[in-house]
Amino acid sequence: MILATAIPADAPHLTRFVNAAYRGETARQGWTTEADLLDGQRIDEEGMRDMLALPNAAILLCQDEAGELLGSFHVQAKGKLVYLSMLAVAPAGQDQGVGKFLLRAAENYGRQHGCTTSKMTVISVRTELIAYYERRGYHLTGATEPFPTDPRYGIPKQPLVLLVLEKEL
């Protein structure tokens, strides 16, 4: 596995990749699908470009030796906190270590930027995903955040809440 960093020119391909990993029939091939929870897209190209332009942020890429995209993870350093979001792994390639590889890379990004805590949010009903992160040292903080109401990030099929998870780096 090779670690790379996305550039603005990657936005169209990366947008298609993330949407296929999260939503629709393609996403149902993997265990991390949100297809039963949300309709619509996970992100649009404009939103992807906005994420790439955030200060102290990057979208980390996991590629195979041929340069094929296996996964991606958005990371942003904010003071002592590194915020992780939008981990996407190709559904057909899940359970092969790509998520772990990207999680380690994202935490290292935080350390390199002087962060001491890693933070993320997970949809509350995604118990298997919460358990995945707990096995990697994250813990529920007890804090919640509202799910975004902007349809650019999907249309909930039921009321959704985000749970905050953190880990000391």
N, C-alpha and C. Protein backbone atom coordinates (compact mmCIF):
# COMPACT_ATOMS: atom_id res chain seq x y z
N MET A 1 0.85 -1.18 0.00
CA MET A 1 0.00 0.00 0.00
C MET A 1 0.89 1.24 0.00
N ILE A 2 0.48 2.20 -0.79
CA ILE A 2 1.25 3.43 -0.94
C ILE A 2 0.38 4.60 -0.47
N LEU A 3 0.98 5.47 0.34
CA LEU A 3 0.29 6.66 0.83
C LEU A 3 0.57 7.83 -0.08
N ALA A 4 -0.47 8.55 -0.45
CA ALA A 4 -0.35 9.75 -1.28
C ALA A 4 -1.31 10.79 -0.71
N THR A 5 -1.22 11.99 -1.24
CA THR A 5 -2.10 13.08 -0.82
C THR A 5 -2.84 13.60 -2.05
N ALA A 6 -4.14 13.78 -1.92
CA ALA A 6 -4.96 14.26 -3.04
C ALA A 6 -4.62 15.70 -3.37
N ILE A 7 -4.78 16.04 -4.64
CA ILE A 7 -4.63 17.41 -5.12
C ILE A 7 -5.97 17.82 -5.74
N PRO A 8 -6.19 19.12 -5.96
CA PRO A 8 -7.49 19.55 -6.52
C PRO A 8 -7.91 18.83 -7.80
N ALA A 9 -6.95 18.47 -8.63
CA ALA A 9 -7.29 17.77 -9.88
C ALA A 9 -7.89 16.38 -9.61
N ASP A 10 -7.70 15.85 -8.40
CA ASP A 10 -8.26 14.54 -8.05
C ASP A 10 -9.73 14.62 -7.66
N ALA A 11 -10.27 15.81 -7.48
CA ALA A 11 -11.62 15.98 -6.95
C ALA A 11 -12.70 15.20 -7.72
N PRO A 12 -12.75 15.23 -9.05
CA PRO A 12 -13.82 14.48 -9.74
C PRO A 12 -13.75 12.97 -9.46
N HIS A 13 -12.57 12.38 -9.60
CA HIS A 13 -12.42 10.94 -9.38
C HIS A 13 -12.66 10.59 -7.91
N LEU A 14 -12.15 11.40 -7.01
CA LEU A 14 -12.30 11.16 -5.58
C LEU A 14 -13.77 11.26 -5.16
N THR A 15 -14.50 12.19 -5.73
CA THR A 15 -15.93 12.34 -5.44
C THR A 15 -16.69 11.08 -5.85
N ARG A 16 -16.42 10.57 -7.03
CA ARG A 16 -17.07 9.34 -7.50
C ARG A 16 -16.70 8.16 -6.59
N PHE A 17 -15.44 8.08 -6.21
CA PHE A 17 -14.97 6.99 -5.36
C PHE A 17 -15.68 7.00 -4.00
N VAL A 18 -15.72 8.16 -3.36
CA VAL A 18 -16.33 8.28 -2.03
C VAL A 18 -17.83 7.96 -2.12
N ASN A 19 -18.50 8.50 -3.10
CA ASN A 19 -19.94 8.22 -3.23
C ASN A 19 -20.21 6.75 -3.46
N ALA A 20 -19.39 6.08 -4.24
CA ALA A 20 -19.57 4.65 -4.47
C ALA A 20 -19.29 3.84 -3.21
N ALA A 21 -18.40 4.32 -2.35
CA ALA A 21 -18.08 3.62 -1.11
C ALA A 21 -19.18 3.77 -0.06
N TYR A 22 -19.89 4.88 -0.08
CA TYR A 22 -20.88 5.17 0.95
C TYR A 22 -22.32 4.87 0.57
N ARG A 23 -22.69 5.10 -0.68
CA ARG A 23 -24.10 5.08 -1.05
C ARG A 23 -24.37 4.22 -2.27
N GLY A 24 -25.62 3.82 -2.41
CA GLY A 24 -26.06 3.10 -3.59
C GLY A 24 -25.70 1.62 -3.54
N GLU A 25 -25.98 0.95 -4.63
CA GLU A 25 -25.79 -0.50 -4.71
C GLU A 25 -24.33 -0.91 -4.59
N THR A 26 -23.43 -0.14 -5.16
CA THR A 26 -22.01 -0.47 -5.05
C THR A 26 -21.58 -0.54 -3.60
N ALA A 27 -22.05 0.40 -2.78
CA ALA A 27 -21.67 0.45 -1.38
C ALA A 27 -22.15 -0.78 -0.61
N ARG A 28 -23.22 -1.40 -1.06
CA ARG A 28 -23.77 -2.57 -0.36
C ARG A 28 -22.83 -3.78 -0.41
N GLN A 29 -21.81 -3.73 -1.26
CA GLN A 29 -20.83 -4.82 -1.33
C GLN A 29 -19.93 -4.84 -0.09
N GLY A 30 -19.85 -3.73 0.62
CA GLY A 30 -18.98 -3.63 1.79
C GLY A 30 -19.77 -3.52 3.07
N TRP A 31 -19.09 -3.59 4.20
CA TRP A 31 -19.77 -3.55 5.50
C TRP A 31 -19.96 -2.13 6.02
N THR A 32 -19.41 -1.13 5.35
CA THR A 32 -19.51 0.24 5.84
C THR A 32 -20.56 1.07 5.12
N THR A 33 -21.43 0.46 4.37
CA THR A 33 -22.42 1.19 3.58
C THR A 33 -23.35 2.03 4.45
N GLU A 34 -23.75 3.16 3.91
CA GLU A 34 -24.79 3.99 4.51
C GLU A 34 -26.05 3.98 3.65
N ALA A 35 -26.09 3.10 2.67
CA ALA A 35 -27.19 3.08 1.70
C ALA A 35 -28.55 2.87 2.34
N ASP A 36 -28.62 2.17 3.47
CA ASP A 36 -29.90 1.96 4.14
C ASP A 36 -30.29 3.12 5.05
N LEU A 37 -29.36 4.01 5.31
CA LEU A 37 -29.61 5.14 6.21
C LEU A 37 -29.87 6.45 5.50
N LEU A 38 -29.26 6.60 4.31
CA LEU A 38 -29.34 7.88 3.60
C LEU A 38 -29.53 7.65 2.12
N ASP A 39 -30.29 8.53 1.50
CA ASP A 39 -30.40 8.59 0.05
C ASP A 39 -29.48 9.71 -0.44
N GLY A 40 -29.26 9.72 -1.74
CA GLY A 40 -28.47 10.79 -2.32
C GLY A 40 -26.98 10.53 -2.21
N GLN A 41 -26.22 11.55 -2.44
CA GLN A 41 -24.77 11.45 -2.48
C GLN A 41 -24.17 11.64 -1.09
N ARG A 42 -22.92 11.25 -0.95
CA ARG A 42 -22.17 11.52 0.29
C ARG A 42 -21.53 12.90 0.21
N ILE A 43 -21.09 13.27 -0.98
CA ILE A 43 -20.44 14.57 -1.19
C ILE A 43 -20.51 14.90 -2.68
N ASP A 44 -20.52 16.20 -2.98
CA ASP A 44 -20.45 16.60 -4.38
C ASP A 44 -19.04 17.12 -4.66
N GLU A 45 -18.77 17.38 -5.93
CA GLU A 45 -17.42 17.79 -6.33
C GLU A 45 -17.03 19.12 -5.70
N GLU A 46 -17.97 20.03 -5.59
CA GLU A 46 -17.68 21.32 -4.95
C GLU A 46 -17.29 21.11 -3.48
N GLY A 47 -18.02 20.26 -2.79
CA GLY A 47 -17.71 19.96 -1.40
C GLY A 47 -16.34 19.32 -1.25
N MET A 48 -15.99 18.46 -2.20
CA MET A 48 -14.67 17.81 -2.18
C MET A 48 -13.58 18.87 -2.35
N ARG A 49 -13.78 19.78 -3.29
CA ARG A 49 -12.80 20.85 -3.50
C ARG A 49 -12.68 21.73 -2.24
N ASP A 50 -13.82 21.99 -1.61
CA ASP A 50 -13.80 22.79 -0.37
C ASP A 50 -12.99 22.08 0.71
N MET A 51 -13.16 20.76 0.84
CA MET A 51 -12.41 20.01 1.84
C MET A 51 -10.91 20.04 1.55
N LEU A 52 -10.57 19.95 0.28
CA LEU A 52 -9.15 19.99 -0.11
C LEU A 52 -8.53 21.36 0.18
N ALA A 53 -9.33 22.40 0.20
CA ALA A 53 -8.83 23.76 0.39
C ALA A 53 -8.79 24.21 1.85
N LEU A 54 -9.30 23.40 2.76
CA LEU A 54 -9.29 23.79 4.18
C LEU A 54 -7.86 23.95 4.68
N PRO A 55 -7.63 24.90 5.59
CA PRO A 55 -6.27 25.07 6.13
C PRO A 55 -5.84 23.86 6.96
N ASN A 56 -4.57 23.50 6.86
CA ASN A 56 -3.99 22.38 7.60
C ASN A 56 -4.75 21.08 7.39
N ALA A 57 -5.26 20.89 6.18
CA ALA A 57 -6.05 19.71 5.86
C ALA A 57 -5.47 18.98 4.66
N ALA A 58 -5.82 17.71 4.56
CA ALA A 58 -5.42 16.90 3.42
C ALA A 58 -6.42 15.77 3.27
N ILE A 59 -6.50 15.23 2.08
CA ILE A 59 -7.19 13.97 1.88
C ILE A 59 -6.10 12.97 1.54
N LEU A 60 -5.91 12.05 2.48
CA LEU A 60 -4.90 11.02 2.34
C LEU A 60 -5.44 9.90 1.46
N LEU A 61 -4.59 9.37 0.60
CA LEU A 61 -4.98 8.33 -0.33
C LEU A 61 -4.17 7.07 -0.09
N CYS A 62 -4.83 5.95 -0.17
CA CYS A 62 -4.15 4.66 -0.16
C CYS A 62 -4.29 4.11 -1.57
N GLN A 63 -3.13 3.84 -2.18
CA GLN A 63 -3.12 3.32 -3.54
C GLN A 63 -2.36 2.01 -3.60
N ASP A 64 -2.68 1.20 -4.59
CA ASP A 64 -1.88 -0.01 -4.79
C ASP A 64 -0.66 0.35 -5.64
N GLU A 65 0.17 -0.63 -5.91
CA GLU A 65 1.42 -0.38 -6.64
C GLU A 65 1.18 0.15 -8.05
N ALA A 66 0.01 -0.12 -8.61
CA ALA A 66 -0.32 0.36 -9.95
C ALA A 66 -0.94 1.76 -9.93
N GLY A 67 -1.11 2.32 -8.71
CA GLY A 67 -1.68 3.65 -8.59
C GLY A 67 -3.19 3.67 -8.47
N GLU A 68 -3.82 2.48 -8.37
CA GLU A 68 -5.27 2.44 -8.23
C GLU A 68 -5.68 2.83 -6.82
N LEU A 69 -6.72 3.65 -6.73
CA LEU A 69 -7.20 4.14 -5.45
C LEU A 69 -7.92 3.03 -4.70
N LEU A 70 -7.45 2.76 -3.47
CA LEU A 70 -8.06 1.74 -2.61
C LEU A 70 -8.88 2.37 -1.48
N GLY A 71 -8.50 3.60 -1.08
CA GLY A 71 -9.19 4.26 0.01
C GLY A 71 -8.73 5.70 0.17
N SER A 72 -9.51 6.46 0.95
CA SER A 72 -9.18 7.86 1.21
C SER A 72 -9.69 8.24 2.59
N PHE A 73 -9.09 9.31 3.14
CA PHE A 73 -9.44 9.76 4.49
C PHE A 73 -9.13 11.24 4.58
N HIS A 74 -10.12 12.03 4.97
CA HIS A 74 -9.91 13.46 5.16
C HIS A 74 -9.39 13.71 6.57
N VAL A 75 -8.41 14.60 6.69
CA VAL A 75 -7.80 14.91 7.97
C VAL A 75 -7.55 16.41 8.03
N GLN A 76 -7.82 17.01 9.20
CA GLN A 76 -7.56 18.44 9.37
C GLN A 76 -7.05 18.70 10.79
N ALA A 77 -5.91 19.35 10.87
CA ALA A 77 -5.32 19.73 12.16
C ALA A 77 -5.86 21.09 12.56
N LYS A 78 -6.36 21.15 13.81
CA LYS A 78 -6.88 22.40 14.37
C LYS A 78 -6.32 22.54 15.78
N GLY A 79 -5.20 23.24 15.92
CA GLY A 79 -4.57 23.36 17.23
C GLY A 79 -4.06 22.01 17.69
N LYS A 80 -4.48 21.58 18.88
CA LYS A 80 -4.05 20.29 19.44
C LYS A 80 -4.95 19.14 19.02
N LEU A 81 -5.94 19.43 18.17
CA LEU A 81 -6.93 18.44 17.75
C LEU A 81 -6.78 18.15 16.26
N VAL A 82 -6.78 16.88 15.91
CA VAL A 82 -6.84 16.49 14.50
C VAL A 82 -8.22 15.87 14.29
N TYR A 83 -8.95 16.40 13.32
CA TYR A 83 -10.30 15.93 13.03
C TYR A 83 -10.25 15.01 11.81
N LEU A 84 -10.76 13.80 11.96
CA LEU A 84 -10.77 12.80 10.89
C LEU A 84 -12.20 12.64 10.38
N SER A 85 -12.35 12.56 9.06
CA SER A 85 -13.68 12.40 8.51
C SER A 85 -13.62 11.72 7.15
N MET A 86 -14.74 11.15 6.77
CA MET A 86 -14.96 10.61 5.43
C MET A 86 -13.96 9.52 5.04
N LEU A 87 -13.74 8.57 5.94
CA LEU A 87 -12.94 7.41 5.57
C LEU A 87 -13.73 6.60 4.54
N ALA A 88 -13.12 6.38 3.40
CA ALA A 88 -13.78 5.63 2.32
C ALA A 88 -12.82 4.54 1.83
N VAL A 89 -13.33 3.32 1.79
CA VAL A 89 -12.57 2.19 1.26
C VAL A 89 -13.43 1.53 0.20
N ALA A 90 -12.82 1.18 -0.92
CA ALA A 90 -13.56 0.52 -1.99
C ALA A 90 -14.29 -0.68 -1.40
N PRO A 91 -15.62 -0.76 -1.57
CA PRO A 91 -16.39 -1.84 -0.94
C PRO A 91 -15.86 -3.25 -1.24
N ALA A 92 -15.46 -3.50 -2.45
CA ALA A 92 -14.97 -4.84 -2.81
C ALA A 92 -13.62 -5.14 -2.18
N GLY A 93 -12.93 -4.11 -1.71
CA GLY A 93 -11.61 -4.30 -1.12
C GLY A 93 -11.56 -4.12 0.38
N GLN A 94 -12.72 -4.13 1.04
CA GLN A 94 -12.72 -3.96 2.49
C GLN A 94 -12.21 -5.22 3.18
N ASP A 95 -11.83 -5.07 4.43
CA ASP A 95 -11.26 -6.16 5.23
C ASP A 95 -9.90 -6.62 4.70
N GLN A 96 -9.15 -5.68 4.12
CA GLN A 96 -7.81 -6.00 3.62
C GLN A 96 -6.76 -5.06 4.22
N GLY A 97 -7.13 -4.31 5.26
CA GLY A 97 -6.17 -3.47 5.95
C GLY A 97 -6.08 -2.03 5.45
N VAL A 98 -6.86 -1.66 4.46
CA VAL A 98 -6.80 -0.30 3.91
C VAL A 98 -7.25 0.72 4.96
N GLY A 99 -8.35 0.45 5.65
CA GLY A 99 -8.84 1.37 6.67
C GLY A 99 -7.83 1.55 7.79
N LYS A 100 -7.23 0.47 8.26
CA LYS A 100 -6.21 0.56 9.32
C LYS A 100 -5.01 1.37 8.84
N PHE A 101 -4.60 1.12 7.61
CA PHE A 101 -3.47 1.85 7.02
C PHE A 101 -3.76 3.35 7.00
N LEU A 102 -4.95 3.73 6.55
CA LEU A 102 -5.31 5.14 6.47
C LEU A 102 -5.50 5.75 7.86
N LEU A 103 -6.05 5.01 8.81
CA LEU A 103 -6.23 5.51 10.16
C LEU A 103 -4.87 5.82 10.79
N ARG A 104 -3.91 4.92 10.64
CA ARG A 104 -2.55 5.18 11.16
C ARG A 104 -1.95 6.42 10.49
N ALA A 105 -2.13 6.52 9.18
CA ALA A 105 -1.58 7.67 8.45
C ALA A 105 -2.22 8.97 8.91
N ALA A 106 -3.54 8.95 9.15
CA ALA A 106 -4.25 10.15 9.61
C ALA A 106 -3.78 10.56 11.01
N GLU A 107 -3.61 9.58 11.89
CA GLU A 107 -3.12 9.89 13.23
C GLU A 107 -1.69 10.43 13.17
N ASN A 108 -0.86 9.87 12.30
CA ASN A 108 0.50 10.38 12.12
C ASN A 108 0.49 11.81 11.58
N TYR A 109 -0.44 12.10 10.69
CA TYR A 109 -0.60 13.47 10.17
C TYR A 109 -0.85 14.41 11.34
N GLY A 110 -1.74 14.01 12.23
CA GLY A 110 -2.02 14.83 13.41
C GLY A 110 -0.79 15.04 14.27
N ARG A 111 -0.06 13.97 14.54
CA ARG A 111 1.17 14.09 15.35
C ARG A 111 2.16 15.04 14.70
N GLN A 112 2.32 14.91 13.37
CA GLN A 112 3.26 15.77 12.64
C GLN A 112 2.85 17.24 12.71
N HIS A 113 1.57 17.50 12.96
CA HIS A 113 1.07 18.87 13.08
C HIS A 113 0.90 19.30 14.54
N GLY A 114 1.49 18.55 15.47
CA GLY A 114 1.48 18.92 16.87
C GLY A 114 0.18 18.61 17.61
N CYS A 115 -0.66 17.78 17.02
CA CYS A 115 -1.93 17.43 17.66
C CYS A 115 -1.70 16.35 18.72
N THR A 116 -2.50 16.41 19.78
CA THR A 116 -2.41 15.42 20.85
C THR A 116 -3.68 14.58 20.96
N THR A 117 -4.74 14.99 20.28
CA THR A 117 -6.01 14.27 20.32
C THR A 117 -6.57 14.13 18.91
N SER A 118 -7.09 12.95 18.62
CA SER A 118 -7.77 12.68 17.36
C SER A 118 -9.27 12.61 17.64
N LYS A 119 -10.06 13.25 16.78
CA LYS A 119 -11.51 13.32 16.97
C LYS A 119 -12.21 12.94 15.67
N MET A 120 -13.34 12.27 15.81
CA MET A 120 -14.19 11.96 14.66
C MET A 120 -15.63 11.86 15.13
N THR A 121 -16.55 11.87 14.18
CA THR A 121 -17.95 11.62 14.49
C THR A 121 -18.42 10.44 13.66
N VAL A 122 -19.33 9.64 14.25
CA VAL A 122 -19.89 8.48 13.58
C VAL A 122 -21.40 8.49 13.81
N ILE A 123 -22.16 8.14 12.79
CA ILE A 123 -23.61 8.06 12.93
C ILE A 123 -23.95 7.07 14.04
N SER A 124 -24.82 7.48 14.95
CA SER A 124 -25.09 6.72 16.17
C SER A 124 -25.54 5.28 15.93
N VAL A 125 -26.25 5.02 14.86
CA VAL A 125 -26.75 3.67 14.61
C VAL A 125 -25.72 2.77 13.93
N ARG A 126 -24.54 3.28 13.67
CA ARG A 126 -23.46 2.50 13.03
C ARG A 126 -22.63 1.78 14.09
N THR A 127 -23.27 0.90 14.83
CA THR A 127 -22.62 0.24 15.97
C THR A 127 -21.39 -0.56 15.56
N GLU A 128 -21.42 -1.19 14.39
CA GLU A 128 -20.26 -1.96 13.95
C GLU A 128 -19.07 -1.07 13.64
N LEU A 129 -19.34 0.14 13.15
CA LEU A 129 -18.27 1.08 12.86
C LEU A 129 -17.71 1.69 14.15
N ILE A 130 -18.59 1.99 15.09
CA ILE A 130 -18.13 2.48 16.40
C ILE A 130 -17.24 1.43 17.05
N ALA A 131 -17.65 0.16 17.00
CA ALA A 131 -16.84 -0.92 17.58
C ALA A 131 -15.49 -1.02 16.87
N TYR A 132 -15.46 -0.82 15.56
CA TYR A 132 -14.20 -0.85 14.79
C TYR A 132 -13.24 0.20 15.35
N TYR A 133 -13.72 1.41 15.56
CA TYR A 133 -12.86 2.48 16.07
C TYR A 133 -12.50 2.25 17.54
N GLU A 134 -13.40 1.70 18.32
CA GLU A 134 -13.08 1.40 19.72
C GLU A 134 -11.95 0.37 19.81
N ARG A 135 -11.92 -0.59 18.90
CA ARG A 135 -10.84 -1.57 18.89
C ARG A 135 -9.50 -0.93 18.55
N ARG A 136 -9.53 0.25 18.00
CA ARG A 136 -8.32 0.98 17.64
C ARG A 136 -8.02 2.11 18.61
N GLY A 137 -8.63 2.07 19.79
CA GLY A 137 -8.29 3.00 20.85
C GLY A 137 -9.18 4.22 21.00
N TYR A 138 -10.19 4.36 20.17
CA TYR A 138 -11.10 5.49 20.28
C TYR A 138 -12.16 5.20 21.35
N HIS A 139 -12.67 6.24 21.96
CA HIS A 139 -13.74 6.07 22.95
C HIS A 139 -14.82 7.12 22.72
N LEU A 140 -16.04 6.74 23.04
CA LEU A 140 -17.16 7.67 22.96
C LEU A 140 -16.99 8.72 24.05
N THR A 141 -17.18 9.97 23.70
CA THR A 141 -17.01 11.05 24.67
C THR A 141 -18.29 11.38 25.41
N GLY A 142 -19.42 10.91 24.89
CA GLY A 142 -20.73 11.28 25.44
C GLY A 142 -21.32 12.48 24.73
N ALA A 143 -20.51 13.17 23.92
CA ALA A 143 -20.99 14.32 23.16
C ALA A 143 -21.66 13.85 21.87
N THR A 144 -22.61 14.64 21.40
CA THR A 144 -23.27 14.36 20.13
C THR A 144 -23.27 15.63 19.29
N GLU A 145 -23.46 15.45 18.00
CA GLU A 145 -23.61 16.57 17.07
C GLU A 145 -24.78 16.24 16.16
N PRO A 146 -25.51 17.26 15.71
CA PRO A 146 -26.62 16.98 14.80
C PRO A 146 -26.09 16.52 13.44
N PHE A 147 -26.85 15.65 12.79
CA PHE A 147 -26.48 15.25 11.44
C PHE A 147 -26.73 16.44 10.52
N PRO A 148 -25.83 16.72 9.57
CA PRO A 148 -26.03 17.88 8.68
C PRO A 148 -27.36 17.81 7.93
N THR A 149 -28.02 18.94 7.84
CA THR A 149 -29.30 18.99 7.13
C THR A 149 -29.13 19.36 5.66
N ASP A 150 -27.91 19.63 5.24
CA ASP A 150 -27.63 19.99 3.86
C ASP A 150 -27.74 18.75 2.97
N PRO A 151 -28.67 18.73 2.00
CA PRO A 151 -28.85 17.54 1.15
C PRO A 151 -27.61 17.21 0.32
N ARG A 152 -26.62 18.11 0.27
CA ARG A 152 -25.38 17.78 -0.44
C ARG A 152 -24.67 16.61 0.22
N TYR A 153 -24.99 16.32 1.50
CA TYR A 153 -24.35 15.23 2.24
C TYR A 153 -25.27 14.03 2.42
N GLY A 154 -26.41 14.05 1.77
CA GLY A 154 -27.33 12.94 1.85
C GLY A 154 -28.65 13.33 2.49
N ILE A 155 -29.64 12.51 2.23
CA ILE A 155 -30.99 12.74 2.76
C ILE A 155 -31.31 11.58 3.70
N PRO A 156 -31.36 11.85 5.01
CA PRO A 156 -31.61 10.77 5.97
C PRO A 156 -32.96 10.10 5.75
N LYS A 157 -32.97 8.78 5.90
CA LYS A 157 -34.20 8.00 5.82
C LYS A 157 -34.83 7.86 7.20
N GLN A 158 -34.12 8.30 8.23
CA GLN A 158 -34.58 8.26 9.61
C GLN A 158 -33.82 9.36 10.36
N PRO A 159 -34.27 9.75 11.55
CA PRO A 159 -33.52 10.75 12.31
C PRO A 159 -32.12 10.20 12.65
N LEU A 160 -31.10 11.01 12.43
CA LEU A 160 -29.72 10.59 12.67
C LEU A 160 -29.01 11.59 13.57
N VAL A 161 -28.13 11.08 14.40
CA VAL A 161 -27.30 11.88 15.29
C VAL A 161 -25.87 11.37 15.15
N LEU A 162 -24.91 12.27 15.28
CA LEU A 162 -23.50 11.89 15.22
C LEU A 162 -22.95 11.78 16.64
N LEU A 163 -22.22 10.70 16.91
CA LEU A 163 -21.56 10.52 18.18
C LEU A 163 -20.10 10.91 18.02
N VAL A 164 -19.54 11.57 19.04
CA VAL A 164 -18.15 12.03 19.01
C VAL A 164 -17.27 10.97 19.64
N LEU A 165 -16.22 10.59 18.92
CA LEU A 165 -15.21 9.67 19.42
C LEU A 165 -13.86 10.38 19.45
N GLU A 166 -13.04 10.07 20.43
CA GLU A 166 -11.70 10.66 20.53
C GLU A 166 -10.68 9.62 20.94
N LYS A 167 -9.43 9.97 20.68
CA LYS A 167 -8.29 9.14 21.06
C LYS A 167 -7.13 10.06 21.34
N GLU A 168 -6.41 9.79 22.42
CA GLU A 168 -5.18 10.53 22.68
C GLU A 168 -4.09 9.98 21.77
N LEU A 169 -3.33 10.88 21.17
CA LEU A 169 -2.27 10.45 20.24
C LEU A 169 -0.95 10.29 20.96
